[in-house]
Amino acid sequence: MIAWQMFGNGETPESTHTKGDHFVGDYYVKFNNEYKRQTEELK
């Protein structure tokens, strides 16, 4: 949910022609990528 707020720009499964569970799963991966980036910055 946080990743979609940060990076989604209002996209939906319909607007991106993506299956809904894949669409949300992509944002779970984006969260972890961003989390890693921020963690490395703080380190």
PDB file of all heavy atoms in Angstrom:
ATOM      1  N   MET A   1       0.830  -1.205   0.000  1.00  0.00           N
ATOM      2  CA  MET A   1       0.000   0.000   0.000  1.00  0.00           C
ATOM      3  C   MET A   1       0.871   1.264   0.000  1.00  0.00           C
ATOM      4  O   MET A   1       0.626   2.204  -0.781  1.00  0.00           O
ATOM      5  CB  MET A   1      -0.930  -0.012   1.212  1.00  0.00           C
ATOM      6  CG  MET A   1      -2.003  -1.107   1.141  1.00  0.00           C
ATOM      7  SD  MET A   1      -2.807  -1.433   2.743  1.00  0.00           S
ATOM      8  CE  MET A   1      -3.622   0.129   3.050  1.00  0.00           C
ATOM      9  N   ILE A   2       1.897   1.278   0.846  1.00  0.00           N
ATOM     10  CA  ILE A   2       2.802   2.436   0.908  1.00  0.00           C
ATOM     11  C   ILE A   2       3.525   2.623  -0.419  1.00  0.00           C
ATOM     12  O   ILE A   2       3.656   3.748  -0.933  1.00  0.00           O
ATOM     13  CB  ILE A   2       3.823   2.263   2.066  1.00  0.00           C
ATOM     14  CG1 ILE A   2       3.153   2.540   3.408  1.00  0.00           C
ATOM     15  CG2 ILE A   2       5.048   3.137   1.869  1.00  0.00           C
ATOM     16  CD1 ILE A   2       2.820   4.009   3.667  1.00  0.00           C
ATOM     17  N   ALA A   3       3.999   1.510  -0.998  1.00  0.00           N
ATOM     18  CA  ALA A   3       4.717   1.602  -2.275  1.00  0.00           C
ATOM     19  C   ALA A   3       3.810   2.149  -3.372  1.00  0.00           C
ATOM     20  O   ALA A   3       4.246   2.944  -4.209  1.00  0.00           O
ATOM     21  CB  ALA A   3       5.266   0.228  -2.664  1.00  0.00           C
ATOM     22  N   TRP A   4       2.541   1.729  -3.366  1.00  0.00           N
ATOM     23  CA  TRP A   4       1.618   2.244  -4.393  1.00  0.00           C
ATOM     24  C   TRP A   4       1.403   3.747  -4.203  1.00  0.00           C
ATOM     25  O   TRP A   4       1.357   4.503  -5.183  1.00  0.00           O
ATOM     26  CB  TRP A   4       0.278   1.503  -4.310  1.00  0.00           C
ATOM     27  CG  TRP A   4      -0.678   1.914  -5.402  1.00  0.00           C
ATOM     28  CD1 TRP A   4      -0.692   1.490  -6.697  1.00  0.00           C
ATOM     29  CD2 TRP A   4      -1.742   2.870  -5.295  1.00  0.00           C
ATOM     30  NE1 TRP A   4      -1.696   2.104  -7.405  1.00  0.00           N
ATOM     31  CE2 TRP A   4      -2.359   2.964  -6.562  1.00  0.00           C
ATOM     32  CE3 TRP A   4      -2.231   3.660  -4.246  1.00  0.00           C
ATOM     33  CZ2 TRP A   4      -3.440   3.796  -6.820  1.00  0.00           C
ATOM     34  CZ3 TRP A   4      -3.316   4.477  -4.501  1.00  0.00           C
ATOM     35  CH2 TRP A   4      -3.910   4.549  -5.764  1.00  0.00           C
ATOM     36  N   GLN A   5       1.278   4.203  -2.942  1.00  0.00           N
ATOM     37  CA  GLN A   5       1.132   5.640  -2.679  1.00  0.00           C
ATOM     38  C   GLN A   5       2.361   6.421  -3.163  1.00  0.00           C
ATOM     39  O   GLN A   5       2.239   7.521  -3.692  1.00  0.00           O
ATOM     40  CB  GLN A   5       0.931   5.889  -1.186  1.00  0.00           C
ATOM     41  CG  GLN A   5      -0.459   5.522  -0.682  1.00  0.00           C
ATOM     42  CD  GLN A   5      -0.642   5.852   0.789  1.00  0.00           C
ATOM     43  OE1 GLN A   5       0.320   5.842   1.572  1.00  0.00           O
ATOM     44  NE2 GLN A   5      -1.867   6.143   1.193  1.00  0.00           N
ATOM     45  N   MET A   6       3.552   5.812  -2.991  1.00  0.00           N
ATOM     46  CA  MET A   6       4.786   6.493  -3.347  1.00  0.00           C
ATOM     47  C   MET A   6       5.042   6.502  -4.856  1.00  0.00           C
ATOM     48  O   MET A   6       5.482   7.506  -5.408  1.00  0.00           O
ATOM     49  CB  MET A   6       5.979   5.824  -2.648  1.00  0.00           C
ATOM     50  CG  MET A   6       6.013   6.020  -1.142  1.00  0.00           C
ATOM     51  SD  MET A   6       7.379   5.100  -0.368  1.00  0.00           S
ATOM     52  CE  MET A   6       8.793   6.007  -0.994  1.00  0.00           C
ATOM     53  N   PHE A   7       4.755   5.367  -5.511  1.00  0.00           N
ATOM     54  CA  PHE A   7       5.187   5.208  -6.905  1.00  0.00           C
ATOM     55  C   PHE A   7       4.057   4.971  -7.906  1.00  0.00           C
ATOM     56  O   PHE A   7       4.294   4.931  -9.104  1.00  0.00           O
ATOM     57  CB  PHE A   7       6.163   4.019  -7.021  1.00  0.00           C
ATOM     58  CG  PHE A   7       7.319   4.075  -6.063  1.00  0.00           C
ATOM     59  CD1 PHE A   7       7.463   3.125  -5.066  1.00  0.00           C
ATOM     60  CD2 PHE A   7       8.274   5.083  -6.157  1.00  0.00           C
ATOM     61  CE1 PHE A   7       8.531   3.165  -4.177  1.00  0.00           C
ATOM     62  CE2 PHE A   7       9.352   5.134  -5.282  1.00  0.00           C
ATOM     63  CZ  PHE A   7       9.479   4.180  -4.284  1.00  0.00           C
ATOM     64  N   GLY A   8       2.801   4.826  -7.403  1.00  0.00           N
ATOM     65  CA  GLY A   8       1.725   4.381  -8.288  1.00  0.00           C
ATOM     66  C   GLY A   8       1.181   5.427  -9.224  1.00  0.00           C
ATOM     67  O   GLY A   8       0.679   5.086 -10.301  1.00  0.00           O
ATOM     68  N   ASN A   9       1.216   6.698  -8.818  1.00  0.00           N
ATOM     69  CA  ASN A   9       0.657   7.782  -9.657  1.00  0.00           C
ATOM     70  C   ASN A   9      -0.765   7.468 -10.129  1.00  0.00           C
ATOM     71  O   ASN A   9      -1.143   7.782 -11.264  1.00  0.00           O
ATOM     72  CB  ASN A   9       1.546   8.034 -10.887  1.00  0.00           C
ATOM     73  CG  ASN A   9       2.945   8.480 -10.486  1.00  0.00           C
ATOM     74  OD1 ASN A   9       3.106   9.343  -9.618  1.00  0.00           O
ATOM     75  ND2 ASN A   9       3.952   7.864 -11.089  1.00  0.00           N
ATOM     76  N   GLY A  10      -1.536   6.810  -9.238  1.00  0.00           N
ATOM     77  CA  GLY A  10      -2.940   6.532  -9.572  1.00  0.00           C
ATOM     78  C   GLY A  10      -3.163   5.371 -10.506  1.00  0.00           C
ATOM     79  O   GLY A  10      -4.295   5.128 -10.937  1.00  0.00           O
ATOM     80  N   GLU A  11      -2.112   4.630 -10.844  1.00  0.00           N
ATOM     81  CA  GLU A  11      -2.278   3.489 -11.747  1.00  0.00           C
ATOM     82  C   GLU A  11      -3.186   2.437 -11.134  1.00  0.00           C
ATOM     83  O   GLU A  11      -3.291   2.299  -9.913  1.00  0.00           O
ATOM     84  CB  GLU A  11      -0.913   2.827 -12.014  1.00  0.00           C
ATOM     85  CG  GLU A  11      -0.013   3.604 -12.950  1.00  0.00           C
ATOM     86  CD  GLU A  11       1.292   2.844 -13.216  1.00  0.00           C
ATOM     87  OE1 GLU A  11       1.602   1.883 -12.468  1.00  0.00           O
ATOM     88  OE2 GLU A  11       1.982   3.220 -14.177  1.00  0.00           O
ATOM     89  N   THR A  12      -3.841   1.674 -12.017  1.00  0.00           N
ATOM     90  CA  THR A  12      -4.691   0.552 -11.584  1.00  0.00           C
ATOM     91  C   THR A  12      -4.383  -0.649 -12.478  1.00  0.00           C
ATOM     92  O   THR A  12      -3.755  -0.496 -13.538  1.00  0.00           O
ATOM     93  CB  THR A  12      -6.186   0.888 -11.731  1.00  0.00           C
ATOM     94  OG1 THR A  12      -6.490   1.034 -13.132  1.00  0.00           O
ATOM     95  CG2 THR A  12      -6.551   2.148 -10.963  1.00  0.00           C
ATOM     96  N   PRO A  13      -4.838  -1.826 -12.089  1.00  0.00           N
ATOM     97  CA  PRO A  13      -4.657  -2.974 -12.980  1.00  0.00           C
ATOM     98  C   PRO A  13      -5.275  -2.729 -14.366  1.00  0.00           C
ATOM     99  O   PRO A  13      -4.699  -3.122 -15.380  1.00  0.00           O
ATOM    100  CB  PRO A  13      -5.389  -4.109 -12.241  1.00  0.00           C
ATOM    101  CG  PRO A  13      -5.298  -3.730 -10.804  1.00  0.00           C
ATOM    102  CD  PRO A  13      -5.413  -2.236 -10.786  1.00  0.00           C
ATOM    103  N   GLU A  14      -6.428  -2.056 -14.362  1.00  0.00           N
ATOM    104  CA  GLU A  14      -7.097  -1.791 -15.643  1.00  0.00           C
ATOM    105  C   GLU A  14      -6.274  -0.836 -16.515  1.00  0.00           C
ATOM    106  O   GLU A  14      -6.090  -1.067 -17.708  1.00  0.00           O
ATOM    107  CB  GLU A  14      -8.491  -1.195 -15.408  1.00  0.00           C
ATOM    108  CG  GLU A  14      -9.494  -2.147 -14.784  1.00  0.00           C
ATOM    109  CD  GLU A  14      -9.299  -2.323 -13.273  1.00  0.00           C
ATOM    110  OE1 GLU A  14      -8.587  -1.476 -12.647  1.00  0.00           O
ATOM    111  OE2 GLU A  14      -9.813  -3.301 -12.726  1.00  0.00           O
ATOM    112  N   SER A  15      -5.769   0.226 -15.894  1.00  0.00           N
ATOM    113  CA  SER A  15      -5.048   1.227 -16.691  1.00  0.00           C
ATOM    114  C   SER A  15      -3.716   0.701 -17.217  1.00  0.00           C
ATOM    115  O   SER A  15      -3.214   1.178 -18.231  1.00  0.00           O
ATOM    116  CB  SER A  15      -4.805   2.501 -15.864  1.00  0.00           C
ATOM    117  OG  SER A  15      -3.850   2.272 -14.839  1.00  0.00           O
ATOM    118  N   THR A  16      -3.146  -0.309 -16.514  1.00  0.00           N
ATOM    119  CA  THR A  16      -1.853  -0.862 -16.940  1.00  0.00           C
ATOM    120  C   THR A  16      -1.999  -2.219 -17.623  1.00  0.00           C
ATOM    121  O   THR A  16      -0.997  -2.831 -18.005  1.00  0.00           O
ATOM    122  CB  THR A  16      -0.916  -1.027 -15.727  1.00  0.00           C
ATOM    123  OG1 THR A  16      -1.565  -1.863 -14.759  1.00  0.00           O
ATOM    124  CG2 THR A  16      -0.580   0.310 -15.104  1.00  0.00           C
ATOM    125  N   HIS A  17      -3.271  -2.681 -17.753  1.00  0.00           N
ATOM    126  CA  HIS A  17      -3.553  -3.993 -18.358  1.00  0.00           C
ATOM    127  C   HIS A  17      -2.763  -5.105 -17.657  1.00  0.00           C
ATOM    128  O   HIS A  17      -2.131  -5.951 -18.291  1.00  0.00           O
ATOM    129  CB  HIS A  17      -3.227  -3.984 -19.868  1.00  0.00           C
ATOM    130  CG  HIS A  17      -3.915  -2.886 -20.606  1.00  0.00           C
ATOM    131  ND1 HIS A  17      -5.275  -2.879 -20.832  1.00  0.00           N
ATOM    132  CD2 HIS A  17      -3.427  -1.718 -21.140  1.00  0.00           C
ATOM    133  CE1 HIS A  17      -5.605  -1.773 -21.484  1.00  0.00           C
ATOM    134  NE2 HIS A  17      -4.502  -1.055 -21.679  1.00  0.00           N
ATOM    135  N   THR A  18      -2.798  -5.054 -16.327  1.00  0.00           N
ATOM    136  CA  THR A  18      -2.075  -6.031 -15.502  1.00  0.00           C
ATOM    137  C   THR A  18      -3.060  -6.775 -14.621  1.00  0.00           C
ATOM    138  O   THR A  18      -3.999  -6.182 -14.094  1.00  0.00           O
ATOM    139  CB  THR A  18      -1.047  -5.312 -14.592  1.00  0.00           C
ATOM    140  OG1 THR A  18      -0.265  -4.419 -15.378  1.00  0.00           O
ATOM    141  CG2 THR A  18      -0.135  -6.301 -13.882  1.00  0.00           C
ATOM    142  N   LYS A  19      -2.844  -8.067 -14.458  1.00  0.00           N
ATOM    143  CA  LYS A  19      -3.666  -8.876 -13.559  1.00  0.00           C
ATOM    144  C   LYS A  19      -3.503  -8.338 -12.136  1.00  0.00           C
ATOM    145  O   LYS A  19      -2.397  -8.010 -11.709  1.00  0.00           O
ATOM    146  CB  LYS A  19      -3.214 -10.334 -13.655  1.00  0.00           C
ATOM    147  CG  LYS A  19      -4.157 -11.351 -13.052  1.00  0.00           C
ATOM    148  CD  LYS A  19      -3.802 -12.759 -13.574  1.00  0.00           C
ATOM    149  CE  LYS A  19      -4.533 -13.837 -12.785  1.00  0.00           C
ATOM    150  NZ  LYS A  19      -3.855 -14.175 -11.541  1.00  0.00           N
ATOM    151  N   GLY A  20      -4.632  -8.228 -11.398  1.00  0.00           N
ATOM    152  CA  GLY A  20      -4.632  -7.501 -10.127  1.00  0.00           C
ATOM    153  C   GLY A  20      -3.623  -7.972  -9.103  1.00  0.00           C
ATOM    154  O   GLY A  20      -2.962  -7.163  -8.445  1.00  0.00           O
ATOM    155  N   ASP A  21      -3.479  -9.296  -8.933  1.00  0.00           N
ATOM    156  CA  ASP A  21      -2.533  -9.797  -7.938  1.00  0.00           C
ATOM    157  C   ASP A  21      -1.087  -9.531  -8.355  1.00  0.00           C
ATOM    158  O   ASP A  21      -0.217  -9.268  -7.521  1.00  0.00           O
ATOM    159  CB  ASP A  21      -2.758 -11.286  -7.657  1.00  0.00           C
ATOM    160  CG  ASP A  21      -2.832 -12.130  -8.915  1.00  0.00           C
ATOM    161  OD1 ASP A  21      -3.106 -11.580 -10.006  1.00  0.00           O
ATOM    162  OD2 ASP A  21      -2.627 -13.354  -8.825  1.00  0.00           O
ATOM    163  N   HIS A  22      -0.826  -9.556  -9.647  1.00  0.00           N
ATOM    164  CA  HIS A  22       0.517  -9.220 -10.151  1.00  0.00           C
ATOM    165  C   HIS A  22       0.807  -7.737  -9.928  1.00  0.00           C
ATOM    166  O   HIS A  22       1.924  -7.347  -9.563  1.00  0.00           O
ATOM    167  CB  HIS A  22       0.617  -9.535 -11.648  1.00  0.00           C
ATOM    168  CG  HIS A  22       0.586 -10.993 -11.960  1.00  0.00           C
ATOM    169  ND1 HIS A  22       1.600 -11.654 -12.608  1.00  0.00           N
ATOM    170  CD2 HIS A  22      -0.347 -11.946 -11.691  1.00  0.00           C
ATOM    171  CE1 HIS A  22       1.291 -12.933 -12.737  1.00  0.00           C
ATOM    172  NE2 HIS A  22       0.107 -13.123 -12.186  1.00  0.00           N
ATOM    173  N   PHE A  23      -0.200  -6.937 -10.176  1.00  0.00           N
ATOM    174  CA  PHE A  23      -0.063  -5.485 -10.024  1.00  0.00           C
ATOM    175  C   PHE A  23       0.348  -5.139  -8.597  1.00  0.00           C
ATOM    176  O   PHE A  23       1.323  -4.423  -8.360  1.00  0.00           O
ATOM    177  CB  PHE A  23      -1.398  -4.817 -10.376  1.00  0.00           C
ATOM    178  CG  PHE A  23      -1.401  -3.325 -10.282  1.00  0.00           C
ATOM    179  CD1 PHE A  23      -0.948  -2.547 -11.342  1.00  0.00           C
ATOM    180  CD2 PHE A  23      -1.870  -2.693  -9.134  1.00  0.00           C
ATOM    181  CE1 PHE A  23      -0.962  -1.160 -11.252  1.00  0.00           C
ATOM    182  CE2 PHE A  23      -1.875  -1.313  -9.034  1.00  0.00           C
ATOM    183  CZ  PHE A  23      -1.423  -0.535 -10.100  1.00  0.00           C
ATOM    184  N   VAL A  24      -0.369  -5.679  -7.608  1.00  0.00           N
ATOM    185  CA  VAL A  24      -0.064  -5.393  -6.207  1.00  0.00           C
ATOM    186  C   VAL A  24       1.278  -6.016  -5.816  1.00  0.00           C
ATOM    187  O   VAL A  24       2.071  -5.421  -5.075  1.00  0.00           O
ATOM    188  CB  VAL A  24      -1.197  -5.890  -5.292  1.00  0.00           C
ATOM    189  CG1 VAL A  24      -0.829  -5.755  -3.821  1.00  0.00           C
ATOM    190  CG2 VAL A  24      -2.487  -5.098  -5.576  1.00  0.00           C
ATOM    191  N   GLY A  25       1.560  -7.214  -6.327  1.00  0.00           N
ATOM    192  CA  GLY A  25       2.830  -7.878  -6.038  1.00  0.00           C
ATOM    193  C   GLY A  25       4.029  -7.080  -6.518  1.00  0.00           C
ATOM    194  O   GLY A  25       5.089  -7.069  -5.878  1.00  0.00           O
ATOM    195  N   ASP A  26       3.862  -6.396  -7.639  1.00  0.00           N
ATOM    196  CA  ASP A  26       4.958  -5.562  -8.165  1.00  0.00           C
ATOM    197  C   ASP A  26       5.305  -4.452  -7.175  1.00  0.00           C
ATOM    198  O   ASP A  26       6.478  -4.085  -7.018  1.00  0.00           O
ATOM    199  CB  ASP A  26       4.567  -4.952  -9.516  1.00  0.00           C
ATOM    200  CG  ASP A  26       4.528  -5.990 -10.638  1.00  0.00           C
ATOM    201  OD1 ASP A  26       5.102  -7.084 -10.441  1.00  0.00           O
ATOM    202  OD2 ASP A  26       3.908  -5.720 -11.673  1.00  0.00           O
ATOM    203  N   TYR A  27       4.278  -3.927  -6.495  1.00  0.00           N
ATOM    204  CA  TYR A  27       4.532  -2.848  -5.520  1.00  0.00           C
ATOM    205  C   TYR A  27       5.176  -3.391  -4.249  1.00  0.00           C
ATOM    206  O   TYR A  27       5.928  -2.673  -3.579  1.00  0.00           O
ATOM    207  CB  TYR A  27       3.243  -2.069  -5.227  1.00  0.00           C
ATOM    208  CG  TYR A  27       2.941  -1.115  -6.362  1.00  0.00           C
ATOM    209  CD1 TYR A  27       2.048  -1.449  -7.368  1.00  0.00           C
ATOM    210  CD2 TYR A  27       3.618   0.099  -6.453  1.00  0.00           C
ATOM    211  CE1 TYR A  27       1.809  -0.601  -8.431  1.00  0.00           C
ATOM    212  CE2 TYR A  27       3.388   0.963  -7.517  1.00  0.00           C
ATOM    213  CZ  TYR A  27       2.491   0.603  -8.508  1.00  0.00           C
ATOM    214  OH  TYR A  27       2.279   1.464  -9.566  1.00  0.00           O
ATOM    215  N   TYR A  28       4.941  -4.649  -3.928  1.00  0.00           N
ATOM    216  CA  TYR A  28       5.629  -5.268  -2.794  1.00  0.00           C
ATOM    217  C   TYR A  28       7.136  -5.341  -3.082  1.00  0.00           C
ATOM    218  O   TYR A  28       7.972  -5.049  -2.220  1.00  0.00           O
ATOM    219  CB  TYR A  28       5.060  -6.672  -2.555  1.00  0.00           C
ATOM    220  CG  TYR A  28       5.661  -7.395  -1.369  1.00  0.00           C
ATOM    221  CD1 TYR A  28       5.504  -6.925  -0.074  1.00  0.00           C
ATOM    222  CD2 TYR A  28       6.379  -8.586  -1.548  1.00  0.00           C
ATOM    223  CE1 TYR A  28       6.041  -7.596   1.017  1.00  0.00           C
ATOM    224  CE2 TYR A  28       6.922  -9.265  -0.464  1.00  0.00           C
ATOM    225  CZ  TYR A  28       6.749  -8.766   0.815  1.00  0.00           C
ATOM    226  OH  TYR A  28       7.288  -9.437   1.885  1.00  0.00           O
ATOM    227  N   VAL A  29       7.479  -5.696  -4.310  1.00  0.00           N
ATOM    228  CA  VAL A  29       8.900  -5.731  -4.707  1.00  0.00           C
ATOM    229  C   VAL A  29       9.474  -4.315  -4.706  1.00  0.00           C
ATOM    230  O   VAL A  29      10.597  -4.079  -4.246  1.00  0.00           O
ATOM    231  CB  VAL A  29       9.057  -6.399  -6.101  1.00  0.00           C
ATOM    232  CG1 VAL A  29      10.504  -6.318  -6.585  1.00  0.00           C
ATOM    233  CG2 VAL A  29       8.598  -7.855  -6.052  1.00  0.00           C
ATOM    234  N   LYS A  30       8.689  -3.342  -5.193  1.00  0.00           N
ATOM    235  CA  LYS A  30       9.160  -1.943  -5.214  1.00  0.00           C
ATOM    236  C   LYS A  30       9.409  -1.429  -3.798  1.00  0.00           C
ATOM    237  O   LYS A  30      10.363  -0.674  -3.571  1.00  0.00           O
ATOM    238  CB  LYS A  30       8.132  -1.050  -5.928  1.00  0.00           C
ATOM    239  CG  LYS A  30       8.145  -1.215  -7.441  1.00  0.00           C
ATOM    240  CD  LYS A  30       7.070  -0.372  -8.105  1.00  0.00           C
ATOM    241  CE  LYS A  30       7.062  -0.618  -9.613  1.00  0.00           C
ATOM    242  NZ  LYS A  30       6.003   0.136 -10.294  1.00  0.00           N
ATOM    243  N   PHE A  31       8.545  -1.831  -2.860  1.00  0.00           N
ATOM    244  CA  PHE A  31       8.767  -1.434  -1.469  1.00  0.00           C
ATOM    245  C   PHE A  31      10.135  -1.920  -1.003  1.00  0.00           C
ATOM    246  O   PHE A  31      10.913  -1.156  -0.420  1.00  0.00           O
ATOM    247  CB  PHE A  31       7.684  -2.006  -0.544  1.00  0.00           C
ATOM    248  CG  PHE A  31       8.007  -1.810   0.915  1.00  0.00           C
ATOM    249  CD1 PHE A  31       7.620  -0.661   1.577  1.00  0.00           C
ATOM    250  CD2 PHE A  31       8.770  -2.748   1.621  1.00  0.00           C
ATOM    251  CE1 PHE A  31       7.965  -0.444   2.909  1.00  0.00           C
ATOM    252  CE2 PHE A  31       9.121  -2.547   2.946  1.00  0.00           C
ATOM    253  CZ  PHE A  31       8.704  -1.387   3.592  1.00  0.00           C
ATOM    254  N   ASN A  32      10.410  -3.203  -1.221  1.00  0.00           N
ATOM    255  CA  ASN A  32      11.666  -3.767  -0.725  1.00  0.00           C
ATOM    256  C   ASN A  32      12.883  -3.155  -1.406  1.00  0.00           C
ATOM    257  O   ASN A  32      13.920  -2.970  -0.776  1.00  0.00           O
ATOM    258  CB  ASN A  32      11.654  -5.291  -0.876  1.00  0.00           C
ATOM    259  CG  ASN A  32      10.830  -5.949   0.218  1.00  0.00           C
ATOM    260  OD1 ASN A  32      11.243  -6.015   1.362  1.00  0.00           O
ATOM    261  ND2 ASN A  32       9.617  -6.387  -0.128  1.00  0.00           N
ATOM    262  N   ASN A  33      12.742  -2.806  -2.683  1.00  0.00           N
ATOM    263  CA  ASN A  33      13.843  -2.119  -3.375  1.00  0.00           C
ATOM    264  C   ASN A  33      14.100  -0.750  -2.749  1.00  0.00           C
ATOM    265  O   ASN A  33      15.254  -0.353  -2.521  1.00  0.00           O
ATOM    266  CB  ASN A  33      13.531  -1.971  -4.870  1.00  0.00           C
ATOM    267  CG  ASN A  33      13.538  -3.310  -5.591  1.00  0.00           C
ATOM    268  OD1 ASN A  33      14.137  -4.278  -5.113  1.00  0.00           O
ATOM    269  ND2 ASN A  33      12.890  -3.369  -6.736  1.00  0.00           N
ATOM    270  N   GLU A  34      13.022  -0.028  -2.459  1.00  0.00           N
ATOM    271  CA  GLU A  34      13.160   1.297  -1.855  1.00  0.00           C
ATOM    272  C   GLU A  34      13.701   1.187  -0.422  1.00  0.00           C
ATOM    273  O   GLU A  34      14.531   1.995   0.010  1.00  0.00           O
ATOM    274  CB  GLU A  34      11.803   2.003  -1.856  1.00  0.00           C
ATOM    275  CG  GLU A  34      11.796   3.398  -1.215  1.00  0.00           C
ATOM    276  CD  GLU A  34      12.683   4.414  -1.930  1.00  0.00           C
ATOM    277  OE1 GLU A  34      13.089   4.158  -3.106  1.00  0.00           O
ATOM    278  OE2 GLU A  34      12.985   5.476  -1.356  1.00  0.00           O
ATOM    279  N   TYR A  35      13.226   0.196   0.302  1.00  0.00           N
ATOM    280  CA  TYR A  35      13.689  -0.031   1.679  1.00  0.00           C
ATOM    281  C   TYR A  35      15.194  -0.307   1.696  1.00  0.00           C
ATOM    282  O   TYR A  35      15.940   0.244   2.522  1.00  0.00           O
ATOM    283  CB  TYR A  35      12.900  -1.197   2.275  1.00  0.00           C
ATOM    284  CG  TYR A  35      13.207  -1.513   3.724  1.00  0.00           C
ATOM    285  CD1 TYR A  35      13.431  -0.504   4.666  1.00  0.00           C
ATOM    286  CD2 TYR A  35      13.254  -2.833   4.160  1.00  0.00           C
ATOM    287  CE1 TYR A  35      13.691  -0.810   5.993  1.00  0.00           C
ATOM    288  CE2 TYR A  35      13.512  -3.146   5.488  1.00  0.00           C
ATOM    289  CZ  TYR A  35      13.741  -2.128   6.399  1.00  0.00           C
ATOM    290  OH  TYR A  35      14.003  -2.432   7.712  1.00  0.00           O
ATOM    291  N   LYS A  36      15.648  -1.128   0.773  1.00  0.00           N
ATOM    292  CA  LYS A  36      17.090  -1.418   0.674  1.00  0.00           C
ATOM    293  C   LYS A  36      17.869  -0.144   0.363  1.00  0.00           C
ATOM    294  O   LYS A  36      18.931   0.115   0.943  1.00  0.00           O
ATOM    295  CB  LYS A  36      17.339  -2.444  -0.456  1.00  0.00           C
ATOM    296  CG  LYS A  36      17.225  -3.885  -0.043  1.00  0.00           C
ATOM    297  CD  LYS A  36      17.625  -4.767  -1.215  1.00  0.00           C
ATOM    298  CE  LYS A  36      17.424  -6.235  -0.875  1.00  0.00           C
ATOM    299  NZ  LYS A  36      17.713  -7.097  -2.038  1.00  0.00           N
ATOM    300  N   ARG A  37      17.346   0.652  -0.583  1.00  0.00           N
ATOM    301  CA  ARG A  37      18.041   1.885  -0.980  1.00  0.00           C
ATOM    302  C   ARG A  37      18.163   2.833   0.203  1.00  0.00           C
ATOM    303  O   ARG A  37      19.252   3.381   0.471  1.00  0.00           O
ATOM    304  CB  ARG A  37      17.270   2.560  -2.134  1.00  0.00           C
ATOM    305  CG  ARG A  37      18.003   3.741  -2.768  1.00  0.00           C
ATOM    306  CD  ARG A  37      17.102   4.508  -3.719  1.00  0.00           C
ATOM    307  NE  ARG A  37      16.032   5.235  -3.022  1.00  0.00           N
ATOM    308  CZ  ARG A  37      16.224   6.357  -2.338  1.00  0.00           C
ATOM    309  NH1 ARG A  37      17.431   6.911  -2.234  1.00  0.00           N
ATOM    310  NH2 ARG A  37      15.192   6.945  -1.745  1.00  0.00           N
ATOM    311  N   GLN A  38      17.054   3.019   0.946  1.00  0.00           N
ATOM    312  CA  GLN A  38      17.081   3.930   2.092  1.00  0.00           C
ATOM    313  C   GLN A  38      17.989   3.402   3.209  1.00  0.00           C
ATOM    314  O   GLN A  38      18.703   4.180   3.858  1.00  0.00           O
ATOM    315  CB  GLN A  38      15.655   4.133   2.629  1.00  0.00           C
ATOM    316  CG  GLN A  38      14.759   4.923   1.679  1.00  0.00           C
ATOM    317  CD  GLN A  38      13.383   5.205   2.272  1.00  0.00           C
ATOM    318  OE1 GLN A  38      13.129   4.938   3.438  1.00  0.00           O
ATOM    319  NE2 GLN A  38      12.486   5.756   1.444  1.00  0.00           N
ATOM    320  N   THR A  39      17.969   2.086   3.417  1.00  0.00           N
ATOM    321  CA  THR A  39      18.826   1.493   4.445  1.00  0.00           C
ATOM    322  C   THR A  39      20.297   1.721   4.114  1.00  0.00           C
ATOM    323  O   THR A  39      21.102   2.081   4.986  1.00  0.00           O
ATOM    324  CB  THR A  39      18.531  -0.018   4.570  1.00  0.00           C
ATOM    325  OG1 THR A  39      17.152  -0.197   4.886  1.00  0.00           O
ATOM    326  CG2 THR A  39      19.371  -0.656   5.663  1.00  0.00           C
ATOM    327  N   GLU A  40      20.645   1.517   2.850  1.00  0.00           N
ATOM    328  CA  GLU A  40      22.044   1.719   2.434  1.00  0.00           C
ATOM    329  C   GLU A  40      22.459   3.186   2.596  1.00  0.00           C
ATOM    330  O   GLU A  40      23.587   3.485   2.997  1.00  0.00           O
ATOM    331  CB  GLU A  40      22.231   1.273   0.973  1.00  0.00           C
ATOM    332  CG  GLU A  40      22.134  -0.229   0.752  1.00  0.00           C
ATOM    333  CD  GLU A  40      23.128  -1.020   1.594  1.00  0.00           C
ATOM    334  OE1 GLU A  40      24.303  -0.605   1.684  1.00  0.00           O
ATOM    335  OE2 GLU A  40      22.719  -2.043   2.188  1.00  0.00           O
ATOM    336  N   GLU A  41      21.549   4.102   2.309  1.00  0.00           N
ATOM    337  CA  GLU A  41      21.840   5.543   2.470  1.00  0.00           C
ATOM    338  C   GLU A  41      22.138   5.869   3.934  1.00  0.00           C
ATOM    339  O   GLU A  41      23.092   6.592   4.249  1.00  0.00           O
ATOM    340  CB  GLU A  41      20.634   6.376   2.011  1.00  0.00           C
ATOM    341  CG  GLU A  41      20.696   6.798   0.564  1.00  0.00           C
ATOM    342  CD  GLU A  41      19.565   7.779   0.225  1.00  0.00           C
ATOM    343  OE1 GLU A  41      18.839   8.224   1.142  1.00  0.00           O
ATOM    344  OE2 GLU A  41      19.417   8.089  -0.973  1.00  0.00           O
ATOM    345  N   LEU A  42      21.316   5.329   4.829  1.00  0.00           N
ATOM    346  CA  LEU A  42      21.500   5.582   6.258  1.00  0.00           C
ATOM    347  C   LEU A  42      22.794   4.948   6.769  1.00  0.00           C
ATOM    348  O   LEU A  42      23.494   5.527   7.609  1.00  0.00           O
ATOM    349  CB  LEU A  42      20.304   5.051   7.051  1.00  0.00           C
ATOM    350  CG  LEU A  42      19.004   5.859   6.877  1.00  0.00           C
ATOM    351  CD1 LEU A  42      17.812   5.098   7.429  1.00  0.00           C
ATOM    352  CD2 LEU A  42      19.121   7.217   7.580  1.00  0.00           C
ATOM    353  N   LYS A  43      23.122   3.781   6.265  1.00  0.00           N
ATOM    354  CA  LYS A  43      24.378   3.134   6.661  1.00  0.00           C
ATOM    355  C   LYS A  43      25.572   3.958   6.177  1.00  0.00           C
ATOM    356  O   LYS A  43      26.572   4.117   6.899  1.00  0.00           O
ATOM    357  CB  LYS A  43      24.458   1.719   6.083  1.00  0.00           C
ATOM    358  CG  LYS A  43      23.634   0.702   6.874  1.00  0.00           C
ATOM    359  CD  LYS A  43      23.440  -0.600   6.130  1.00  0.00           C
ATOM    360  CE  LYS A  43      24.749  -1.322   5.898  1.00  0.00           C
ATOM    361  NZ  LYS A  43      24.552  -2.572   5.139  1.00  0.00           N
TER     362      LYS A  43
END
